[in-house]
Protein backbone atom coordinates (compact mmCIF):
# COMPACT_ATOMS: atom_id res chain seq x y z
CA MET A 1 46.41 101.94 -73.99
CA ASN A 2 45.14 101.60 -70.45
CA VAL A 3 43.63 104.41 -68.46
CA ILE A 4 41.81 104.80 -64.92
CA PHE A 5 38.41 105.25 -64.90
CA THR A 6 36.67 106.83 -61.91
CA TYR A 7 33.02 105.22 -61.38
CA ASN A 8 30.74 108.19 -59.55
CA SER A 9 31.01 106.10 -56.19
CA GLY A 10 34.36 107.11 -56.38
CA ARG A 11 35.81 103.39 -57.42
CA GLU A 12 38.99 103.68 -59.31
CA ARG A 13 39.47 100.99 -62.28
CA ARG A 14 42.37 100.34 -64.87
CA MET A 15 40.72 99.65 -68.21
CA THR A 16 41.15 100.31 -71.74
CA ARG A 17 40.55 104.07 -73.02
CA ALA A 18 37.78 102.18 -75.16
CA GLU A 19 35.68 100.92 -72.16
CA ALA A 20 36.32 104.29 -70.34
CA GLU A 21 35.12 106.07 -73.08
CA VAL A 22 31.59 103.91 -73.11
CA LEU A 23 31.23 103.90 -69.58
CA GLN A 24 31.93 107.77 -69.63
CA LEU A 25 29.04 108.04 -72.61
CA LEU A 26 26.61 106.28 -70.33
CA GLY A 27 27.36 108.40 -67.40
CA HIS A 28 29.06 106.25 -65.36
CA GLY A 29 31.84 108.30 -64.30
CA ARG A 30 34.74 109.74 -65.97
CA TYR A 31 38.77 108.87 -66.76
CA GLU A 32 42.08 110.13 -67.02
CA ALA A 33 43.30 111.16 -70.11
CA GLN A 34 46.94 110.25 -69.19
CA ALA A 35 48.31 106.76 -70.12
CA VAL A 36 48.59 103.94 -67.19
CA SER A 37 52.02 102.80 -67.40
CA ALA A 38 52.33 98.90 -67.08
CA PRO A 39 53.95 97.58 -63.93
CA SER A 40 58.04 97.37 -64.09
CA PRO A 41 58.85 93.37 -63.59
CA ALA A 42 60.22 91.99 -60.94
CA PRO A 43 64.12 92.38 -61.09
CA ALA A 44 66.13 88.64 -61.56
CA PRO A 45 67.68 87.38 -58.29
CA SER A 46 71.24 87.61 -58.44
CA ALA A 47 73.62 84.70 -58.06
CA ALA A 48 73.86 85.64 -54.41
CA THR A 49 70.55 85.42 -53.51
CA ALA A 50 69.45 82.36 -55.82
CA PRO A 51 68.64 79.04 -54.07
CA VAL A 52 71.35 76.31 -54.31
CA ALA A 53 70.30 73.02 -55.41
CA GLN A 54 71.93 70.25 -53.28
CA GLU A 55 72.34 66.67 -54.39
CA PRO A 56 70.82 64.13 -52.43
CA ALA A 57 73.03 61.81 -50.04
CA LEU A 58 73.28 58.68 -51.28
CA ALA A 59 72.11 55.62 -49.29
CA PRO A 60 74.89 53.11 -47.76
CA ASP A 61 74.39 50.83 -50.35
CA GLY A 62 75.32 53.71 -53.17
CA THR A 63 71.83 53.82 -54.20
CA ALA A 64 69.52 57.29 -54.36
CA PRO A 65 67.32 57.07 -51.44
CA ALA A 66 63.47 57.08 -52.30
CA ALA A 67 61.69 60.24 -52.23
CA PRO A 68 59.86 60.80 -48.91
CA PRO A 69 56.18 60.88 -49.19
CA SER A 70 54.06 64.33 -49.22
CA VAL A 71 52.31 63.53 -46.50
CA PRO A 72 53.45 61.40 -43.14
CA MET A 73 51.79 58.15 -42.38
CA ASP A 74 50.32 59.04 -39.02
CA GLU A 75 48.62 62.23 -40.72
CA LEU A 76 46.34 60.04 -43.02
CA ASP A 77 43.72 59.86 -40.15
CA GLY A 78 43.25 63.41 -40.53
CA LEU A 79 42.71 63.44 -44.43
CA ASP A 80 39.28 63.02 -46.04
CA ALA A 81 38.56 60.37 -48.72
CA ALA A 82 38.96 62.79 -51.61
CA ALA A 83 42.23 63.91 -50.07
CA LEU A 84 43.32 60.22 -49.81
CA HIS A 85 41.74 59.32 -53.37
CA ALA A 86 44.32 62.20 -54.45
CA LEU A 87 47.12 61.25 -52.26
CA ALA A 88 46.57 57.42 -53.32
CA LYS A 89 46.73 58.87 -57.26
CA GLU A 90 49.97 60.63 -57.00
CA ARG A 91 51.80 57.71 -55.22
CA GLY A 92 50.76 55.52 -57.84
CA VAL A 93 48.43 53.16 -55.27
CA LYS A 94 45.65 51.90 -57.13
CA VAL A 95 42.53 51.89 -55.14
CA HIS A 96 38.61 51.51 -56.33
CA HIS A 97 37.64 54.90 -56.98
CA ASN A 98 34.62 54.33 -54.69
CA ALA A 99 36.68 52.87 -51.68
CA GLY A 100 35.84 54.60 -48.34
CA ALA A 101 38.07 56.62 -46.39
CA ASP A 102 39.46 53.74 -44.48
CA LYS A 103 40.17 51.29 -47.64
CA VAL A 104 42.31 54.13 -49.06
CA ARG A 105 44.21 54.56 -45.60
CA ALA A 106 44.99 50.94 -45.23
CA ALA A 107 46.13 50.73 -49.05
CA LEU A 108 48.35 53.73 -48.43
CA ARG A 109 49.86 51.91 -45.65
CA ASP A 110 50.54 48.54 -47.11
CA ALA A 111 51.92 50.36 -49.92
CA ALA A 112 54.38 52.74 -47.56
CA LEU A 113 55.48 48.95 -46.24
CA ALA A 114 55.89 47.36 -49.43
CA ASN A 115 58.28 49.82 -49.99
């Protein structure tokens, strides 16, 4: 059972009754004897407000289009080496783990052109 413990400074904190009793015995404040109810769960979205999934349009040759890259290629210059390595890993581009930012950018651009 959770209670609200009020410290001597006036700060309030929700905690178990056992913790509150210990803090009160140590002289750090007082707790309220009434139980604190758990917050009610958020209501489930109704059918009218739920997002509708749309199927992607097919390419002219009848195949599904490739997923767009998560970062446009012109924004690669603004990323640091760690972010570029993470992006390369996400896209399946293999680069040496010690490669600098310029080499990773070049590998990402080459992979994008190959696709």
